[in-house]
PDB file of N, CA and C in Angstrom:
ATOM      1  N   UNK A   1     -17.393   8.460 -16.784  1.00  0.00           N
ATOM      2  CA  UNK A   1     -17.473   7.031 -17.056  1.00  0.00           C
ATOM      3  C   UNK A   1     -16.567   6.281 -16.089  1.00  0.00           C
ATOM      4  N   UNK A   2     -17.063   5.187 -15.544  1.00  0.00           N
ATOM      5  CA  UNK A   2     -16.263   4.385 -14.632  1.00  0.00           C
ATOM      6  C   UNK A   2     -15.295   3.518 -15.426  1.00  0.00           C
ATOM      7  N   UNK A   3     -14.325   2.979 -14.721  1.00  0.00           N
ATOM      8  CA  UNK A   3     -13.349   2.099 -15.359  1.00  0.00           C
ATOM      9  C   UNK A   3     -14.045   0.844 -15.861  1.00  0.00           C
ATOM     10  N   UNK A   4     -13.559   0.297 -16.981  1.00  0.00           N
ATOM     11  CA  UNK A   4     -14.147  -0.960 -17.455  1.00  0.00           C
ATOM     12  C   UNK A   4     -13.889  -2.092 -16.461  1.00  0.00           C
ATOM     13  N   UNK A   5     -14.748  -3.063 -16.501  1.00  0.00           N
ATOM     14  CA  UNK A   5     -14.573  -4.286 -15.738  1.00  0.00           C
ATOM     15  C   UNK A   5     -13.328  -4.982 -16.288  1.00  0.00           C
ATOM     16  N   UNK A   6     -12.560  -5.610 -15.415  1.00  0.00           N
ATOM     17  CA  UNK A   6     -11.425  -6.422 -15.844  1.00  0.00           C
ATOM     18  C   UNK A   6     -11.792  -7.874 -15.643  1.00  0.00           C
ATOM     19  N   UNK A   7     -11.504  -8.712 -16.648  1.00  0.00           N
ATOM     20  CA  UNK A   7     -11.786 -10.132 -16.520  1.00  0.00           C
ATOM     21  C   UNK A   7     -10.584 -10.923 -17.011  1.00  0.00           C
ATOM     22  N   UNK A   8     -10.066 -11.770 -16.133  1.00  0.00           N
ATOM     23  CA  UNK A   8      -8.936 -12.641 -16.438  1.00  0.00           C
ATOM     24  C   UNK A   8      -9.511 -13.995 -16.844  1.00  0.00           C
ATOM     25  N   UNK A   9      -9.103 -14.480 -18.011  1.00  0.00           N
ATOM     26  CA  UNK A   9      -9.749 -15.630 -18.623  1.00  0.00           C
ATOM     27  C   UNK A   9      -8.736 -16.611 -19.217  1.00  0.00           C
ATOM     28  N   UNK A  10      -9.277 -17.759 -19.662  1.00  0.00           N
ATOM     29  CA  UNK A  10      -8.621 -18.636 -20.624  1.00  0.00           C
ATOM     30  C   UNK A  10      -9.696 -18.999 -21.649  1.00  0.00           C
ATOM     31  N   UNK A  11      -9.309 -19.272 -22.903  1.00  0.00           N
ATOM     32  CA  UNK A  11     -10.305 -19.489 -23.960  1.00  0.00           C
ATOM     33  C   UNK A  11     -11.247 -20.665 -23.734  1.00  0.00           C
ATOM     34  N   UNK A  12     -10.812 -21.715 -23.050  1.00  0.00           N
ATOM     35  CA  UNK A  12     -11.642 -22.910 -22.896  1.00  0.00           C
ATOM     36  C   UNK A  12     -12.551 -22.886 -21.674  1.00  0.00           C
ATOM     37  N   UNK A  13     -12.578 -21.800 -20.963  1.00  0.00           N
ATOM     38  CA  UNK A  13     -13.359 -21.680 -19.726  1.00  0.00           C
ATOM     39  C   UNK A  13     -14.793 -21.244 -20.044  1.00  0.00           C
ATOM     40  N   UNK A  14     -15.758 -22.117 -19.775  1.00  0.00           N
ATOM     41  CA  UNK A  14     -17.156 -21.775 -20.072  1.00  0.00           C
ATOM     42  C   UNK A  14     -17.670 -20.657 -19.173  1.00  0.00           C
ATOM     43  N   UNK A  15     -17.253 -20.638 -17.918  1.00  0.00           N
ATOM     44  CA  UNK A  15     -17.684 -19.576 -17.008  1.00  0.00           C
ATOM     45  C   UNK A  15     -17.147 -18.218 -17.483  1.00  0.00           C
ATOM     46  N   UNK A  16     -15.910 -18.219 -18.023  1.00  0.00           N
ATOM     47  CA  UNK A  16     -15.328 -16.998 -18.593  1.00  0.00           C
ATOM     48  C   UNK A  16     -16.166 -16.515 -19.773  1.00  0.00           C
ATOM     49  N   UNK A  17     -16.506 -17.450 -20.660  1.00  0.00           N
ATOM     50  CA  UNK A  17     -17.283 -17.089 -21.844  1.00  0.00           C
ATOM     51  C   UNK A  17     -18.675 -16.606 -21.473  1.00  0.00           C
ATOM     52  N   UNK A  18     -19.280 -17.201 -20.459  1.00  0.00           N
ATOM     53  CA  UNK A  18     -20.595 -16.736 -19.987  1.00  0.00           C
ATOM     54  C   UNK A  18     -20.496 -15.325 -19.429  1.00  0.00           C
ATOM     55  N   UNK A  19     -19.432 -15.035 -18.700  1.00  0.00           N
ATOM     56  CA  UNK A  19     -19.248 -13.691 -18.133  1.00  0.00           C
ATOM     57  C   UNK A  19     -19.088 -12.663 -19.245  1.00  0.00           C
ATOM     58  N   UNK A  20     -18.257 -12.974 -20.232  1.00  0.00           N
ATOM     59  CA  UNK A  20     -18.046 -12.030 -21.341  1.00  0.00           C
ATOM     60  C   UNK A  20     -19.345 -11.795 -22.108  1.00  0.00           C
ATOM     61  N   UNK A  21     -20.108 -12.868 -22.325  1.00  0.00           N
ATOM     62  CA  UNK A  21     -21.393 -12.732 -23.025  1.00  0.00           C
ATOM     63  C   UNK A  21     -22.342 -11.845 -22.218  1.00  0.00           C
ATOM     64  N   UNK A  22     -22.397 -12.050 -20.910  1.00  0.00           N
ATOM     65  CA  UNK A  22     -23.245 -11.237 -20.041  1.00  0.00           C
ATOM     66  C   UNK A  22     -22.860  -9.764 -20.138  1.00  0.00           C
ATOM     67  N   UNK A  23     -21.558  -9.453 -20.026  1.00  0.00           N
ATOM     68  CA  UNK A  23     -21.114  -8.065 -20.085  1.00  0.00           C
ATOM     69  C   UNK A  23     -21.462  -7.434 -21.427  1.00  0.00           C
ATOM     70  N   UNK A  24     -21.303  -8.191 -22.510  1.00  0.00           N
ATOM     71  CA  UNK A  24     -21.652  -7.664 -23.835  1.00  0.00           C
ATOM     72  C   UNK A  24     -23.150  -7.390 -23.924  1.00  0.00           C
ATOM     73  N   UNK A  25     -23.968  -8.334 -23.470  1.00  0.00           N
ATOM     74  CA  UNK A  25     -25.427  -8.165 -23.521  1.00  0.00           C
ATOM     75  C   UNK A  25     -25.882  -6.976 -22.683  1.00  0.00           C
ATOM     76  N   UNK A  26     -25.211  -6.751 -21.562  1.00  0.00           N
ATOM     77  CA  UNK A  26     -25.566  -5.641 -20.676  1.00  0.00           C
ATOM     78  C   UNK A  26     -24.877  -4.338 -21.077  1.00  0.00           C
ATOM     79  N   UNK A  27     -24.094  -4.401 -22.147  1.00  0.00           N
ATOM     80  CA  UNK A  27     -23.335  -3.249 -22.656  1.00  0.00           C
ATOM     81  C   UNK A  27     -22.417  -2.676 -21.580  1.00  0.00           C
ATOM     82  N   UNK A  28     -21.769  -3.581 -20.861  1.00  0.00           N
ATOM     83  CA  UNK A  28     -20.813  -3.207 -19.829  1.00  0.00           C
ATOM     84  C   UNK A  28     -19.414  -3.285 -20.450  1.00  0.00           C
ATOM     85  N   UNK A  29     -18.703  -2.169 -20.508  1.00  0.00           N
ATOM     86  CA  UNK A  29     -17.350  -2.230 -21.067  1.00  0.00           C
ATOM     87  C   UNK A  29     -16.445  -3.086 -20.178  1.00  0.00           C
ATOM     88  N   UNK A  30     -15.649  -3.932 -20.833  1.00  0.00           N
ATOM     89  CA  UNK A  30     -14.722  -4.762 -20.066  1.00  0.00           C
ATOM     90  C   UNK A  30     -13.429  -4.940 -20.828  1.00  0.00           C
ATOM     91  N   UNK A  31     -12.381  -5.175 -20.059  1.00  0.00           N
ATOM     92  CA  UNK A  31     -11.079  -5.498 -20.612  1.00  0.00           C
ATOM     93  C   UNK A  31     -10.815  -6.963 -20.300  1.00  0.00           C
ATOM     94  N   UNK A  32     -10.457  -7.726 -21.333  1.00  0.00           N
ATOM     95  CA  UNK A  32     -10.153  -9.135 -21.137  1.00  0.00           C
ATOM     96  C   UNK A  32      -8.643  -9.335 -21.083  1.00  0.00           C
ATOM     97  N   UNK A  33      -8.216 -10.157 -20.139  1.00  0.00           N
ATOM     98  CA  UNK A  33      -6.812 -10.502 -19.990  1.00  0.00           C
ATOM     99  C   UNK A  33      -6.699 -12.024 -20.094  1.00  0.00           C
ATOM    100  N   UNK A  34      -6.273 -12.505 -21.261  1.00  0.00           N
ATOM    101  CA  UNK A  34      -6.171 -13.934 -21.532  1.00  0.00           C
ATOM    102  C   UNK A  34      -4.909 -14.473 -20.870  1.00  0.00           C
ATOM    103  N   UNK A  35      -5.085 -15.299 -19.857  1.00  0.00           N
ATOM    104  CA  UNK A  35      -3.967 -15.821 -19.075  1.00  0.00           C
ATOM    105  C   UNK A  35      -3.092 -16.794 -19.853  1.00  0.00           C
ATOM    106  N   UNK A  36      -3.570 -17.299 -20.982  1.00  0.00           N
ATOM    107  CA  UNK A  36      -2.747 -18.171 -21.807  1.00  0.00           C
ATOM    108  C   UNK A  36      -1.854 -17.385 -22.748  1.00  0.00           C
ATOM    109  N   UNK A  37      -2.174 -16.127 -22.993  1.00  0.00           N
ATOM    110  CA  UNK A  37      -1.401 -15.316 -23.936  1.00  0.00           C
ATOM    111  C   UNK A  37      -0.300 -14.507 -23.273  1.00  0.00           C
ATOM    112  N   UNK A  38      -0.401 -14.296 -21.969  1.00  0.00           N
ATOM    113  CA  UNK A  38       0.580 -13.450 -21.291  1.00  0.00           C
ATOM    114  C   UNK A  38       0.873 -14.041 -19.921  1.00  0.00           C
ATOM    115  N   UNK A  39       2.111 -14.400 -19.668  1.00  0.00           N
ATOM    116  CA  UNK A  39       2.467 -15.058 -18.404  1.00  0.00           C
ATOM    117  C   UNK A  39       2.354 -14.138 -17.196  1.00  0.00           C
ATOM    118  N   UNK A  40       2.215 -12.844 -17.409  1.00  0.00           N
ATOM    119  CA  UNK A  40       2.043 -11.909 -16.293  1.00  0.00           C
ATOM    120  C   UNK A  40       0.622 -11.966 -15.720  1.00  0.00           C
ATOM    121  N   UNK A  41      -0.356 -12.284 -16.552  1.00  0.00           N
ATOM    122  CA  UNK A  41      -1.753 -12.264 -16.090  1.00  0.00           C
ATOM    123  C   UNK A  41      -2.033 -13.273 -14.981  1.00  0.00           C
ATOM    124  N   UNK A  42      -1.540 -14.532 -15.080  1.00  0.00           N
ATOM    125  CA  UNK A  42      -1.759 -15.444 -13.952  1.00  0.00           C
ATOM    126  C   UNK A  42      -1.110 -14.952 -12.662  1.00  0.00           C
ATOM    127  N   UNK A  43       0.001 -14.251 -12.773  1.00  0.00           N
ATOM    128  CA  UNK A  43       0.649 -13.687 -11.586  1.00  0.00           C
ATOM    129  C   UNK A  43      -0.241 -12.625 -10.951  1.00  0.00           C
ATOM    130  N   UNK A  44      -0.891 -11.822 -11.789  1.00  0.00           N
ATOM    131  CA  UNK A  44      -1.808 -10.793 -11.280  1.00  0.00           C
ATOM    132  C   UNK A  44      -2.993 -11.450 -10.585  1.00  0.00           C
ATOM    133  N   UNK A  45      -3.536 -12.513 -11.197  1.00  0.00           N
ATOM    134  CA  UNK A  45      -4.650 -13.245 -10.587  1.00  0.00           C
ATOM    135  C   UNK A  45      -4.229 -13.755  -9.208  1.00  0.00           C
ATOM    136  N   UNK A  46      -3.029 -14.314  -9.120  1.00  0.00           N
ATOM    137  CA  UNK A  46      -2.530 -14.819  -7.837  1.00  0.00           C
ATOM    138  C   UNK A  46      -2.427 -13.692  -6.804  1.00  0.00           C
ATOM    139  N   UNK A  47      -1.905 -12.543  -7.236  1.00  0.00           N
ATOM    140  CA  UNK A  47      -1.781 -11.403  -6.321  1.00  0.00           C
ATOM    141  C   UNK A  47      -3.144 -10.911  -5.843  1.00  0.00           C
ATOM    142  N   UNK A  48      -4.140 -10.948  -6.734  1.00  0.00           N
ATOM    143  CA  UNK A  48      -5.487 -10.480  -6.382  1.00  0.00           C
ATOM    144  C   UNK A  48      -6.225 -11.438  -5.461  1.00  0.00           C
ATOM    145  N   UNK A  49      -6.013 -12.754  -5.683  1.00  0.00           N
ATOM    146  CA  UNK A  49      -6.882 -13.740  -5.036  1.00  0.00           C
ATOM    147  C   UNK A  49      -6.165 -14.787  -4.191  1.00  0.00           C
ATOM    148  N   UNK A  50      -4.864 -14.968  -4.414  1.00  0.00           N
ATOM    149  CA  UNK A  50      -4.162 -16.068  -3.757  1.00  0.00           C
ATOM    150  C   UNK A  50      -4.500 -17.402  -4.378  1.00  0.00           C
ATOM    151  N   UNK A  51      -5.128 -17.362  -5.554  1.00  0.00           N
ATOM    152  CA  UNK A  51      -5.546 -18.572  -6.270  1.00  0.00           C
ATOM    153  C   UNK A  51      -5.198 -18.420  -7.744  1.00  0.00           C
ATOM    154  N   UNK A  52      -5.256 -19.523  -8.466  1.00  0.00           N
ATOM    155  CA  UNK A  52      -5.039 -19.518  -9.911  1.00  0.00           C
ATOM    156  C   UNK A  52      -6.336 -19.970 -10.578  1.00  0.00           C
ATOM    157  N   UNK A  53      -7.382 -19.193 -10.412  1.00  0.00           N
ATOM    158  CA  UNK A  53      -8.703 -19.575 -10.916  1.00  0.00           C
ATOM    159  C   UNK A  53      -9.243 -18.470 -11.828  1.00  0.00           C
ATOM    160  N   UNK A  54      -9.807 -18.894 -12.954  1.00  0.00           N
ATOM    161  CA  UNK A  54     -10.492 -17.969 -13.859  1.00  0.00           C
ATOM    162  C   UNK A  54     -11.944 -18.403 -13.973  1.00  0.00           C
ATOM    163  N   UNK A  55     -12.841 -17.484 -14.261  1.00  0.00           N
ATOM    164  CA  UNK A  55     -12.549 -16.080 -14.414  1.00  0.00           C
ATOM    165  C   UNK A  55     -12.319 -15.406 -13.067  1.00  0.00           C
ATOM    166  N   UNK A  56     -11.401 -14.495 -13.065  1.00  0.00           N
ATOM    167  CA  UNK A  56     -11.254 -13.556 -11.968  1.00  0.00           C
ATOM    168  C   UNK A  56     -11.736 -12.224 -12.512  1.00  0.00           C
ATOM    169  N   UNK A  57     -12.720 -11.654 -11.855  1.00  0.00           N
ATOM    170  CA  UNK A  57     -13.394 -10.449 -12.336  1.00  0.00           C
ATOM    171  C   UNK A  57     -13.168  -9.324 -11.334  1.00  0.00           C
ATOM    172  N   UNK A  58     -12.715  -8.183 -11.846  1.00  0.00           N
ATOM    173  CA  UNK A  58     -12.457  -7.023 -11.004  1.00  0.00           C
ATOM    174  C   UNK A  58     -13.415  -5.908 -11.422  1.00  0.00           C
ATOM    175  N   UNK A  59     -14.238  -5.476 -10.481  1.00  0.00           N
ATOM    176  CA  UNK A  59     -15.175  -4.379 -10.708  1.00  0.00           C
ATOM    177  C   UNK A  59     -14.899  -3.338  -9.633  1.00  0.00           C
ATOM    178  N   UNK A  60     -14.293  -2.230 -10.031  1.00  0.00           N
ATOM    179  CA  UNK A  60     -13.879  -1.236  -9.048  1.00  0.00           C
ATOM    180  C   UNK A  60     -12.867  -1.847  -8.104  1.00  0.00           C
ATOM    181  N   UNK A  61     -13.190  -1.856  -6.808  1.00  0.00           N
ATOM    182  CA  UNK A  61     -12.278  -2.461  -5.842  1.00  0.00           C
ATOM    183  C   UNK A  61     -12.746  -3.842  -5.386  1.00  0.00           C
ATOM    184  N   UNK A  62     -13.759  -4.380  -6.066  1.00  0.00           N
ATOM    185  CA  UNK A  62     -14.287  -5.713  -5.744  1.00  0.00           C
ATOM    186  C   UNK A  62     -13.653  -6.754  -6.660  1.00  0.00           C
ATOM    187  N   UNK A  63     -13.247  -7.881  -6.088  1.00  0.00           N
ATOM    188  CA  UNK A  63     -12.649  -8.971  -6.860  1.00  0.00           C
ATOM    189  C   UNK A  63     -13.503 -10.218  -6.658  1.00  0.00           C
ATOM    190  N   UNK A  64     -13.874 -10.852  -7.776  1.00  0.00           N
ATOM    191  CA  UNK A  64     -14.694 -12.059  -7.738  1.00  0.00           C
ATOM    192  C   UNK A  64     -13.941 -13.198  -8.403  1.00  0.00           C
ATOM    193  N   UNK A  65     -13.913 -14.358  -7.749  1.00  0.00           N
ATOM    194  CA  UNK A  65     -13.336 -15.556  -8.334  1.00  0.00           C
ATOM    195  C   UNK A  65     -14.507 -16.400  -8.809  1.00  0.00           C
ATOM    196  N   UNK A  66     -14.677 -16.453 -10.121  1.00  0.00           N
ATOM    197  CA  UNK A  66     -15.819 -17.151 -10.704  1.00  0.00           C
ATOM    198  C   UNK A  66     -16.904 -16.166 -11.082  1.00  0.00           C
ATOM    199  N   UNK A  67     -17.757 -16.605 -12.001  1.00  0.00           N
ATOM    200  CA  UNK A  67     -18.857 -15.753 -12.458  1.00  0.00           C
ATOM    201  C   UNK A  67     -20.194 -16.267 -11.948  1.00  0.00           C
ATOM    202  N   UNK A  68     -20.513 -17.522 -12.234  1.00  0.00           N
ATOM    203  CA  UNK A  68     -21.830 -18.065 -11.881  1.00  0.00           C
ATOM    204  C   UNK A  68     -22.086 -17.985 -10.375  1.00  0.00           C
ATOM    205  N   UNK A  69     -21.062 -18.265  -9.578  1.00  0.00           N
ATOM    206  CA  UNK A  69     -21.227 -18.253  -8.122  1.00  0.00           C
ATOM    207  C   UNK A  69     -21.479 -16.856  -7.562  1.00  0.00           C
ATOM    208  N   UNK A  70     -21.113 -15.830  -8.324  1.00  0.00           N
ATOM    209  CA  UNK A  70     -21.246 -14.451  -7.851  1.00  0.00           C
ATOM    210  C   UNK A  70     -22.143 -13.617  -8.771  1.00  0.00           C
ATOM    211  N   UNK A  71     -22.965 -14.293  -9.553  1.00  0.00           N
ATOM    212  CA  UNK A  71     -23.768 -13.595 -10.554  1.00  0.00           C
ATOM    213  C   UNK A  71     -24.608 -12.473  -9.955  1.00  0.00           C
ATOM    214  N   UNK A  72     -25.299 -12.730  -8.869  1.00  0.00           N
ATOM    215  CA  UNK A  72     -26.184 -11.706  -8.281  1.00  0.00           C
ATOM    216  C   UNK A  72     -25.413 -10.465  -7.881  1.00  0.00           C
ATOM    217  N   UNK A  73     -24.263 -10.657  -7.237  1.00  0.00           N
ATOM    218  CA  UNK A  73     -23.452  -9.508  -6.815  1.00  0.00           C
ATOM    219  C   UNK A  73     -22.909  -8.739  -8.018  1.00  0.00           C
ATOM    220  N   UNK A  74     -22.429  -9.484  -9.019  1.00  0.00           N
ATOM    221  CA  UNK A  74     -21.882  -8.855 -10.223  1.00  0.00           C
ATOM    222  C   UNK A  74     -22.976  -8.091 -10.954  1.00  0.00           C
ATOM    223  N   UNK A  75     -24.136  -8.718 -11.101  1.00  0.00           N
ATOM    224  CA  UNK A  75     -25.258  -8.074 -11.795  1.00  0.00           C
ATOM    225  C   UNK A  75     -25.634  -6.772 -11.083  1.00  0.00           C
ATOM    226  N   UNK A  76     -25.695  -6.810  -9.773  1.00  0.00           N
ATOM    227  CA  UNK A  76     -26.049  -5.614  -9.011  1.00  0.00           C
ATOM    228  C   UNK A  76     -25.021  -4.503  -9.208  1.00  0.00           C
ATOM    229  N   UNK A  77     -23.738  -4.855  -9.153  1.00  0.00           N
ATOM    230  CA  UNK A  77     -22.685  -3.845  -9.317  1.00  0.00           C
ATOM    231  C   UNK A  77     -22.708  -3.209 -10.696  1.00  0.00           C
ATOM    232  N   UNK A  78     -22.854  -4.014 -11.752  1.00  0.00           N
ATOM    233  CA  UNK A  78     -22.829  -3.437 -13.100  1.00  0.00           C
ATOM    234  C   UNK A  78     -24.113  -2.672 -13.409  1.00  0.00           C
ATOM    235  N   UNK A  79     -25.183  -3.018 -12.714  1.00  0.00           N
ATOM    236  CA  UNK A  79     -26.438  -2.290 -12.914  1.00  0.00           C
ATOM    237  C   UNK A  79     -26.352  -0.865 -12.355  1.00  0.00           C
ATOM    238  N   UNK A  80     -25.464  -0.658 -11.398  1.00  0.00           N
ATOM    239  CA  UNK A  80     -25.300   0.645 -10.770  1.00  0.00           C
ATOM    240  C   UNK A  80     -24.409   1.575 -11.578  1.00  0.00           C
ATOM    241  N   UNK A  81     -23.689   1.024 -12.560  1.00  0.00           N
ATOM    242  CA  UNK A  81     -22.747   1.853 -13.341  1.00  0.00           C
ATOM    243  C   UNK A  81     -23.472   2.660 -14.376  1.00  0.00           C
TER     244      UNK A  81
END
């Protein structure tokens, strides 16, 4: 089994919620990191991307800033798992 997808989120982010819904519908295991609950998570997002934007999605060694803008790439990657 491959590592679960990592998704850095905040509760009020619609793109974050759409990503989580997509992963659940596709039965893709994911770990959620709520950036409002832990001050370390935004630091990790910054280290990964140089930005403070959610959702930040990590699939293997690929990092995506945003969900809707990268839907095709994300869909393709999770379909291969």
